[in-house]
C-alpha atoms as a PDB file:
ATOM      1  CA  MET A   1      15.770  61.286 127.624  1.00  0.00           C
ATOM      2  CA  VAL A   2      14.397  59.745 124.818  1.00  0.00           C
ATOM      3  CA  GLY A   3      12.236  62.612 124.039  1.00  0.00           C
ATOM      4  CA  LEU A   4      15.260  64.926 124.411  1.00  0.00           C
ATOM      5  CA  ILE A   5      17.265  62.478 121.892  1.00  0.00           C
ATOM      6  CA  LEU A   6      14.902  62.061 119.364  1.00  0.00           C
ATOM      7  CA  ALA A   7      14.066  66.143 119.291  1.00  0.00           C
ATOM      8  CA  ILE A   8      17.556  66.749 118.941  1.00  0.00           C
ATOM      9  CA  ILE A   9      17.662  64.323 116.034  1.00  0.00           C
ATOM     10  CA  LEU A  10      14.316  65.411 114.699  1.00  0.00           C
ATOM     11  CA  PHE A  11      15.414  69.222 114.945  1.00  0.00           C
ATOM     12  CA  ASN A  12      18.884  68.993 113.696  1.00  0.00           C
ATOM     13  CA  VAL A  13      17.784  67.047 110.363  1.00  0.00           C
ATOM     14  CA  VAL A  14      14.973  69.165 109.887  1.00  0.00           C
ATOM     15  CA  ALA A  15      17.056  72.640 109.948  1.00  0.00           C
ATOM     16  CA  PHE A  16      19.772  71.095 108.089  1.00  0.00           C
ATOM     17  CA  THR A  17      17.769  69.906 105.297  1.00  0.00           C
ATOM     18  CA  THR A  18      15.466  73.037 105.082  1.00  0.00           C
ATOM     19  CA  ASN A  19      17.688  75.518 105.200  1.00  0.00           C
ATOM     20  CA  LYS A  20      17.659  77.826 102.028  1.00  0.00           C
ATOM     21  CA  ARG A  21      18.565  81.162 103.812  1.00  0.00           C
ATOM     22  CA  LEU A  22      21.342  81.152 106.398  1.00  0.00           C
ATOM     23  CA  THR A  23      25.139  80.786 105.099  1.00  0.00           C
ATOM     24  CA  LYS A  24      27.491  78.721 107.034  1.00  0.00           C
ATOM     25  CA  ASN A  25      28.761  81.834 108.901  1.00  0.00           C
ATOM     26  CA  GLN A  26      25.793  82.733 109.868  1.00  0.00           C
ATOM     27  CA  ILE A  27      24.497  79.010 111.178  1.00  0.00           C
ATOM     28  CA  VAL A  28      27.762  79.421 113.029  1.00  0.00           C
ATOM     29  CA  HIS A  29      27.077  82.900 114.655  1.00  0.00           C
ATOM     30  CA  ILE A  30      23.435  81.802 115.351  1.00  0.00           C
ATOM     31  CA  TRP A  31      24.444  78.440 117.137  1.00  0.00           C
ATOM     32  CA  ALA A  32      27.061  80.253 119.119  1.00  0.00           C
ATOM     33  CA  PHE A  33      25.048  83.202 120.068  1.00  0.00           C
ATOM     34  CA  THR A  34      21.933  80.673 121.332  1.00  0.00           C
ATOM     35  CA  ILE A  35      24.310  78.983 123.504  1.00  0.00           C
ATOM     36  CA  VAL A  36      25.702  81.590 125.333  1.00  0.00           C
ATOM     37  CA  LEU A  37      22.456  83.450 125.628  1.00  0.00           C
ATOM     38  CA  GLN A  38      21.119  80.242 126.924  1.00  0.00           C
ATOM     39  CA  LEU A  39      23.886  79.510 129.511  1.00  0.00           C
ATOM     40  CA  LEU A  40      23.849  82.988 130.725  1.00  0.00           C
ATOM     41  CA  PHE A  41      19.874  82.627 131.143  1.00  0.00           C
ATOM     42  CA  ASP A  42      19.900  79.127 132.689  1.00  0.00           C
ATOM     43  CA  GLY A  43      22.935  80.142 134.715  1.00  0.00           C
ATOM     44  CA  TYR A  44      20.659  82.602 136.834  1.00  0.00           C
ATOM     45  CA  ILE A  45      17.231  81.235 136.587  1.00  0.00           C
ATOM     46  CA  ASP A  46      18.237  77.442 136.835  1.00  0.00           C
ATOM     47  CA  HIS A  47      21.316  76.896 138.959  1.00  0.00           C
ATOM     48  CA  LYS A  48      21.457  80.504 140.925  1.00  0.00           C
ATOM     49  CA  TYR A  49      17.720  80.757 141.678  1.00  0.00           C
ATOM     50  CA  GLN A  50      16.559  76.544 141.131  1.00  0.00           C
ATOM     51  CA  GLY A  51      13.282  78.213 139.009  1.00  0.00           C
ATOM     52  CA  TYR A  52      14.081  74.932 136.520  1.00  0.00           C
ATOM     53  CA  TRP A  53      16.600  72.257 135.552  1.00  0.00           C
ATOM     54  CA  TYR A  54      17.322  69.630 133.156  1.00  0.00           C
ATOM     55  CA  PHE A  55      17.041  66.040 134.742  1.00  0.00           C
ATOM     56  CA  ASP A  56      17.556  66.773 138.056  1.00  0.00           C
ATOM     57  CA  LYS A  57      18.933  69.945 140.242  1.00  0.00           C
ATOM     58  CA  GLU A  58      22.490  68.927 139.988  1.00  0.00           C
ATOM     59  CA  ILE A  59      24.559  70.453 136.831  1.00  0.00           C
ATOM     60  CA  GLY A  60      25.249  67.208 135.005  1.00  0.00           C
ATOM     61  CA  LEU A  61      26.665  66.367 131.534  1.00  0.00           C
ATOM     62  CA  PHE A  62      23.523  65.653 129.602  1.00  0.00           C
ATOM     63  CA  ASP A  63      22.332  69.379 131.139  1.00  0.00           C
ATOM     64  CA  PHE A  64      24.514  70.492 127.684  1.00  0.00           C
ATOM     65  CA  LEU A  65      22.575  68.940 125.214  1.00  0.00           C
ATOM     66  CA  PRO A  66      19.625  71.281 125.468  1.00  0.00           C
ATOM     67  CA  VAL A  67      21.452  74.242 125.197  1.00  0.00           C
ATOM     68  CA  THR A  68      24.261  72.742 122.502  1.00  0.00           C
ATOM     69  CA  VAL A  69      22.243  71.043 120.075  1.00  0.00           C
ATOM     70  CA  LEU A  70      18.458  70.905 120.756  1.00  0.00           C
ATOM     71  CA  VAL A  71      17.671  74.750 120.655  1.00  0.00           C
ATOM     72  CA  PRO A  72      20.232  76.081 118.295  1.00  0.00           C
ATOM     73  CA  PRO A  73      18.781  74.047 115.361  1.00  0.00           C
ATOM     74  CA  VAL A  74      15.390  75.380 116.414  1.00  0.00           C
ATOM     75  CA  ASN A  75      16.691  78.949 115.976  1.00  0.00           C
ATOM     76  CA  MET A  76      17.897  78.205 112.653  1.00  0.00           C
ATOM     77  CA  MET A  77      14.453  77.112 111.961  1.00  0.00           C
ATOM     78  CA  PHE A  78      13.085  80.074 113.060  1.00  0.00           C
ATOM     79  CA  LEU A  79      15.330  82.510 111.091  1.00  0.00           C
ATOM     80  CA  ASN A  80      14.891  80.409 107.905  1.00  0.00           C
ATOM     81  CA  TRP A  81      11.194  80.471 107.559  1.00  0.00           C
ATOM     82  CA  TYR A  82      11.306  84.070 108.887  1.00  0.00           C
ATOM     83  CA  PRO A  83       8.944  86.534 106.849  1.00  0.00           C
ATOM     84  CA  PHE A  84      11.481  89.321 106.683  1.00  0.00           C
ATOM     85  CA  ASN A  85      10.022  90.841 103.774  1.00  0.00           C
ATOM     86  CA  SER A  86       6.040  90.544 105.033  1.00  0.00           C
ATOM     87  CA  THR A  87       4.128  92.423 106.549  1.00  0.00           C
ATOM     88  CA  LEU A  88       3.382  93.273 110.321  1.00  0.00           C
ATOM     89  CA  LEU A  89       0.452  91.398 110.765  1.00  0.00           C
ATOM     90  CA  LYS A  90       2.524  88.073 108.777  1.00  0.00           C
ATOM     91  CA  LYS A  91       5.433  88.534 111.269  1.00  0.00           C
ATOM     92  CA  ALA A  92       3.219  88.904 114.162  1.00  0.00           C
ATOM     93  CA  LEU A  93       1.328  85.867 113.319  1.00  0.00           C
ATOM     94  CA  TYR A  94       4.769  83.615 112.282  1.00  0.00           C
ATOM     95  CA  PHE A  95       5.810  84.847 116.017  1.00  0.00           C
ATOM     96  CA  LEU A  96       2.475  83.530 117.456  1.00  0.00           C
ATOM     97  CA  TYR A  97       2.865  79.950 115.645  1.00  0.00           C
ATOM     98  CA  TRP A  98       6.352  80.100 117.055  1.00  0.00           C
ATOM     99  CA  LEU A  99       5.079  80.671 120.294  1.00  0.00           C
ATOM    100  CA  ILE A 100       2.627  78.011 120.452  1.00  0.00           C
ATOM    101  CA  ALA A 101       4.877  75.478 119.261  1.00  0.00           C
ATOM    102  CA  ILE A 102       7.496  76.405 121.712  1.00  0.00           C
ATOM    103  CA  VAL A 103       4.992  76.250 124.687  1.00  0.00           C
ATOM    104  CA  ALA A 104       3.932  72.915 123.292  1.00  0.00           C
ATOM    105  CA  TYR A 105       7.291  71.506 123.100  1.00  0.00           C
ATOM    106  CA  GLU A 106       8.270  72.947 126.680  1.00  0.00           C
ATOM    107  CA  VAL A 107       4.956  71.202 127.873  1.00  0.00           C
ATOM    108  CA  ILE A 108       5.912  67.692 126.363  1.00  0.00           C
ATOM    109  CA  ALA A 109       9.608  68.529 127.940  1.00  0.00           C
ATOM    110  CA  LEU A 110       7.913  68.541 131.397  1.00  0.00           C
ATOM    111  CA  LEU A 111       6.342  64.678 130.922  1.00  0.00           C
ATOM    112  CA  PRO A 112       7.960  62.334 133.277  1.00  0.00           C
ATOM    113  CA  GLU A 113      10.894  60.419 132.191  1.00  0.00           C
ATOM    114  CA  PRO A 114      11.955  58.676 129.496  1.00  0.00           C
ATOM    115  CA  TRP A 115       9.890  61.220 127.505  1.00  0.00           C
ATOM    116  CA  GLY A 116      10.645  64.603 129.493  1.00  0.00           C
ATOM    117  CA  TYR A 117      13.783  65.911 130.746  1.00  0.00           C
ATOM    118  CA  PHE A 118      12.525  69.510 132.132  1.00  0.00           C
ATOM    119  CA  ASN A 119      11.475  70.271 135.799  1.00  0.00           C
ATOM    120  CA  TYR A 120       9.894  73.578 137.309  1.00  0.00           C
ATOM    121  CA  GLY A 121      11.181  74.955 140.702  1.00  0.00           C
ATOM    122  CA  TRP A 122       9.121  77.796 141.130  1.00  0.00           C
ATOM    123  CA  TRP A 123       9.021  78.677 136.898  1.00  0.00           C
ATOM    124  CA  LYS A 124       5.644  78.406 135.718  1.00  0.00           C
ATOM    125  CA  LEU A 125       4.382  78.246 131.895  1.00  0.00           C
ATOM    126  CA  GLU A 126       3.098  81.613 131.757  1.00  0.00           C
ATOM    127  CA  TYR A 127       6.771  82.874 132.305  1.00  0.00           C
ATOM    128  CA  SER A 128       8.025  81.434 129.115  1.00  0.00           C
ATOM    129  CA  ILE A 129       4.916  82.651 127.472  1.00  0.00           C
ATOM    130  CA  LEU A 130       5.855  86.101 128.169  1.00  0.00           C
ATOM    131  CA  ILE A 131       9.561  86.054 127.762  1.00  0.00           C
ATOM    132  CA  ASP A 132       9.786  83.840 124.430  1.00  0.00           C
ATOM    133  CA  PRO A 133       8.539  86.706 122.295  1.00  0.00           C
ATOM    134  CA  PHE A 134      11.211  88.741 123.654  1.00  0.00           C
ATOM    135  CA  LEU A 135      14.216  86.043 122.952  1.00  0.00           C
ATOM    136  CA  LEU A 136      12.667  85.531 119.444  1.00  0.00           C
ATOM    137  CA  ILE A 137      13.029  89.364 118.937  1.00  0.00           C
ATOM    138  CA  ILE A 138      16.493  89.307 120.181  1.00  0.00           C
ATOM    139  CA  LEU A 139      17.571  86.418 117.901  1.00  0.00           C
ATOM    140  CA  VAL A 140      15.984  88.562 114.854  1.00  0.00           C
ATOM    141  CA  MET A 141      17.773  91.455 116.310  1.00  0.00           C
ATOM    142  CA  TYR A 142      21.207  89.703 116.437  1.00  0.00           C
ATOM    143  CA  TYR A 143      20.350  88.073 112.879  1.00  0.00           C
ATOM    144  CA  LYS A 144      19.872  91.456 111.351  1.00  0.00           C
ATOM    145  CA  TRP A 145      23.252  92.577 112.828  1.00  0.00           C
ATOM    146  CA  ILE A 146      25.080  89.492 111.656  1.00  0.00           C
ATOM    147  CA  CYS A 147      23.743  90.130 107.994  1.00  0.00           C
ATOM    148  CA  LYS A 148      24.597  93.923 108.432  1.00  0.00           C
ATOM    149  CA  ILE A 149      27.969  92.957 109.349  1.00  0.00           C
ATOM    150  CA  GLU A 150      28.422  90.237 106.799  1.00  0.00           C
ATOM    151  CA  LYS A 151      27.521  92.989 103.983  1.00  0.00           C
ATOM    152  CA  VAL A 152      29.780  95.667 105.052  1.00  0.00           C
ATOM    153  CA  SER A 153      32.449  93.055 105.012  1.00  0.00           C
ATOM    154  CA  LEU A 154      32.273  92.040 101.543  1.00  0.00           C
ATOM    155  CA  LEU A 155      32.387  95.716 100.471  1.00  0.00           C
ATOM    156  CA  LYS A 156      36.152  96.184 102.045  1.00  0.00           C
END
């Protein structure tokens, strides 16, 4: 739990103090989108199939912390620093750096309590390595869609 609380504080402080790109509207959209997508994914992999879980196998009050206040600021940081106007190579390297950071954090979250809070059932780190890039691509596509909607709304 200690590691989770420290990460929540650190990620939120960094996300909000370094944000130069995201509007308040975009932050709200990204925050809500992240929570919904993670709850859907966790609902199947975590609760239905016992692939992984937070703290223990039963759903508890603290299970909502990673979903609601840990992952959304990470997505804010990812989008805030994303090299939208760069070459495909720079974008690919950016994805690679983030994948390494996300996987490294997952390994830390797997440490025993009080530092860790994440546990594997049948899930493996390799699954995260394969799925995380797709989740990041979905996030970028969603952000671009929100920007497009905002642009159209301003024209009306």
